[in-house]
């Protein structure tokens, strides 16, 4: 069987919660190559909306960082197609 390789690119937004602990939000279908100002603006809107909370802690209180994350998966084998027969 030929080896299959798949690369995905996501946008990871890291915030500090109201207890100054890190929380990340991953965007699976983000626009590629966004500029810092655009990402900062979006993160500021998310933080100011104050709609994400767990046990009284605001999860996305302040923007800390943003990064594109590329992940490559290379199959060694995949019998899932054979399982459908």
C-alpha atoms as a PDB file:
ATOM      1  CA  UNK A   1       0.000   0.000   0.000  1.00  0.00           C
ATOM      2  CA  UNK A   2       1.267   3.501  -0.811  1.00  0.00           C
ATOM      3  CA  UNK A   3       1.964   5.717   2.158  1.00  0.00           C
ATOM      4  CA  UNK A   4      -0.414   8.602   2.620  1.00  0.00           C
ATOM      5  CA  UNK A   5       0.711  11.946   4.030  1.00  0.00           C
ATOM      6  CA  UNK A   6      -1.649  14.689   5.132  1.00  0.00           C
ATOM      7  CA  UNK A   7      -0.698  18.125   6.447  1.00  0.00           C
ATOM      8  CA  UNK A   8      -3.169  20.378   8.235  1.00  0.00           C
ATOM      9  CA  UNK A   9      -2.707  23.983   9.322  1.00  0.00           C
ATOM     10  CA  UNK A  10      -4.659  25.419  12.244  1.00  0.00           C
ATOM     11  CA  UNK A  11      -4.561  28.710  14.109  1.00  0.00           C
ATOM     12  CA  UNK A  12      -3.933  28.417  17.858  1.00  0.00           C
ATOM     13  CA  UNK A  13      -5.021  31.418  19.929  1.00  0.00           C
ATOM     14  CA  UNK A  14      -3.675  31.448  23.476  1.00  0.00           C
ATOM     15  CA  UNK A  15      -5.367  33.535  26.143  1.00  0.00           C
ATOM     16  CA  UNK A  16      -4.951  34.041  29.867  1.00  0.00           C
ATOM     17  CA  UNK A  17      -8.031  33.348  31.944  1.00  0.00           C
ATOM     18  CA  UNK A  18      -9.131  35.467  34.888  1.00  0.00           C
ATOM     19  CA  UNK A  19      -6.802  33.378  37.105  1.00  0.00           C
ATOM     20  CA  UNK A  20      -3.834  34.068  34.757  1.00  0.00           C
ATOM     21  CA  UNK A  21      -3.748  30.476  33.503  1.00  0.00           C
ATOM     22  CA  UNK A  22      -3.344  29.678  29.804  1.00  0.00           C
ATOM     23  CA  UNK A  23      -6.244  28.506  27.654  1.00  0.00           C
ATOM     24  CA  UNK A  24      -6.056  27.872  23.939  1.00  0.00           C
ATOM     25  CA  UNK A  25      -8.666  28.124  21.240  1.00  0.00           C
ATOM     26  CA  UNK A  26      -7.898  26.269  17.992  1.00  0.00           C
ATOM     27  CA  UNK A  27      -9.424  27.447  14.727  1.00  0.00           C
ATOM     28  CA  UNK A  28      -9.465  24.591  12.226  1.00  0.00           C
ATOM     29  CA  UNK A  29     -10.409  26.631   9.144  1.00  0.00           C
ATOM     30  CA  UNK A  30      -8.617  29.935   9.681  1.00  0.00           C
ATOM     31  CA  UNK A  31      -7.532  32.087   6.776  1.00  0.00           C
ATOM     32  CA  UNK A  32      -3.889  31.421   5.933  1.00  0.00           C
ATOM     33  CA  UNK A  33      -1.249  34.110   6.476  1.00  0.00           C
ATOM     34  CA  UNK A  34      -3.281  36.548   8.558  1.00  0.00           C
ATOM     35  CA  UNK A  35      -1.487  39.656   9.795  1.00  0.00           C
ATOM     36  CA  UNK A  36      -0.801  40.296  13.477  1.00  0.00           C
ATOM     37  CA  UNK A  37      -3.204  43.259  13.672  1.00  0.00           C
ATOM     38  CA  UNK A  38      -6.092  41.195  12.289  1.00  0.00           C
ATOM     39  CA  UNK A  39      -5.486  38.338  14.738  1.00  0.00           C
ATOM     40  CA  UNK A  40      -5.031  40.696  17.707  1.00  0.00           C
ATOM     41  CA  UNK A  41      -8.286  42.439  16.819  1.00  0.00           C
ATOM     42  CA  UNK A  42     -10.177  39.141  16.660  1.00  0.00           C
ATOM     43  CA  UNK A  43      -8.683  37.992  19.966  1.00  0.00           C
ATOM     44  CA  UNK A  44      -9.618  41.293  21.617  1.00  0.00           C
ATOM     45  CA  UNK A  45     -13.221  40.846  20.447  1.00  0.00           C
ATOM     46  CA  UNK A  46     -13.304  37.289  21.807  1.00  0.00           C
ATOM     47  CA  UNK A  47     -11.908  38.439  25.161  1.00  0.00           C
ATOM     48  CA  UNK A  48     -14.230  41.440  25.462  1.00  0.00           C
ATOM     49  CA  UNK A  49     -17.313  39.327  24.627  1.00  0.00           C
ATOM     50  CA  UNK A  50     -16.720  37.513  27.934  1.00  0.00           C
ATOM     51  CA  UNK A  51     -18.974  34.589  26.972  1.00  0.00           C
ATOM     52  CA  UNK A  52     -16.653  31.666  27.735  1.00  0.00           C
ATOM     53  CA  UNK A  53     -16.675  30.697  31.397  1.00  0.00           C
ATOM     54  CA  UNK A  54     -16.087  27.569  33.438  1.00  0.00           C
ATOM     55  CA  UNK A  55     -16.834  27.371  37.157  1.00  0.00           C
ATOM     56  CA  UNK A  56     -16.837  31.161  37.454  1.00  0.00           C
ATOM     57  CA  UNK A  57     -13.521  31.648  35.624  1.00  0.00           C
ATOM     58  CA  UNK A  58     -13.474  33.671  32.397  1.00  0.00           C
ATOM     59  CA  UNK A  59     -11.536  31.401  30.021  1.00  0.00           C
ATOM     60  CA  UNK A  60     -10.431  33.888  27.353  1.00  0.00           C
ATOM     61  CA  UNK A  61      -9.789  37.037  29.381  1.00  0.00           C
ATOM     62  CA  UNK A  62      -6.633  38.447  27.742  1.00  0.00           C
ATOM     63  CA  UNK A  63      -4.809  37.656  24.497  1.00  0.00           C
ATOM     64  CA  UNK A  64      -1.343  36.199  25.037  1.00  0.00           C
ATOM     65  CA  UNK A  65      -0.158  34.712  21.717  1.00  0.00           C
ATOM     66  CA  UNK A  66      -1.220  33.351  18.349  1.00  0.00           C
ATOM     67  CA  UNK A  67       0.480  30.825  16.087  1.00  0.00           C
ATOM     68  CA  UNK A  68      -0.186  28.758  13.030  1.00  0.00           C
ATOM     69  CA  UNK A  69       0.361  25.087  13.832  1.00  0.00           C
ATOM     70  CA  UNK A  70       1.162  22.678  11.021  1.00  0.00           C
ATOM     71  CA  UNK A  71       0.656  18.979  11.633  1.00  0.00           C
ATOM     72  CA  UNK A  72       1.782  16.258   9.259  1.00  0.00           C
ATOM     73  CA  UNK A  73       0.447  12.715   9.558  1.00  0.00           C
ATOM     74  CA  UNK A  74       2.178   9.980   7.565  1.00  0.00           C
ATOM     75  CA  UNK A  75       0.366   6.659   7.496  1.00  0.00           C
ATOM     76  CA  UNK A  76       2.446   3.557   8.059  1.00  0.00           C
ATOM     77  CA  UNK A  77      -0.570   1.380   7.273  1.00  0.00           C
ATOM     78  CA  UNK A  78      -4.328   1.857   7.175  1.00  0.00           C
ATOM     79  CA  UNK A  79      -6.653  -1.131   7.117  1.00  0.00           C
ATOM     80  CA  UNK A  80      -9.811   0.973   7.529  1.00  0.00           C
ATOM     81  CA  UNK A  81     -10.748   0.596   3.836  1.00  0.00           C
ATOM     82  CA  UNK A  82     -10.418  -3.189   4.162  1.00  0.00           C
ATOM     83  CA  UNK A  83     -12.729  -3.152   7.216  1.00  0.00           C
ATOM     84  CA  UNK A  84     -15.604  -1.819   5.078  1.00  0.00           C
ATOM     85  CA  UNK A  85     -15.663  -4.901   2.819  1.00  0.00           C
END
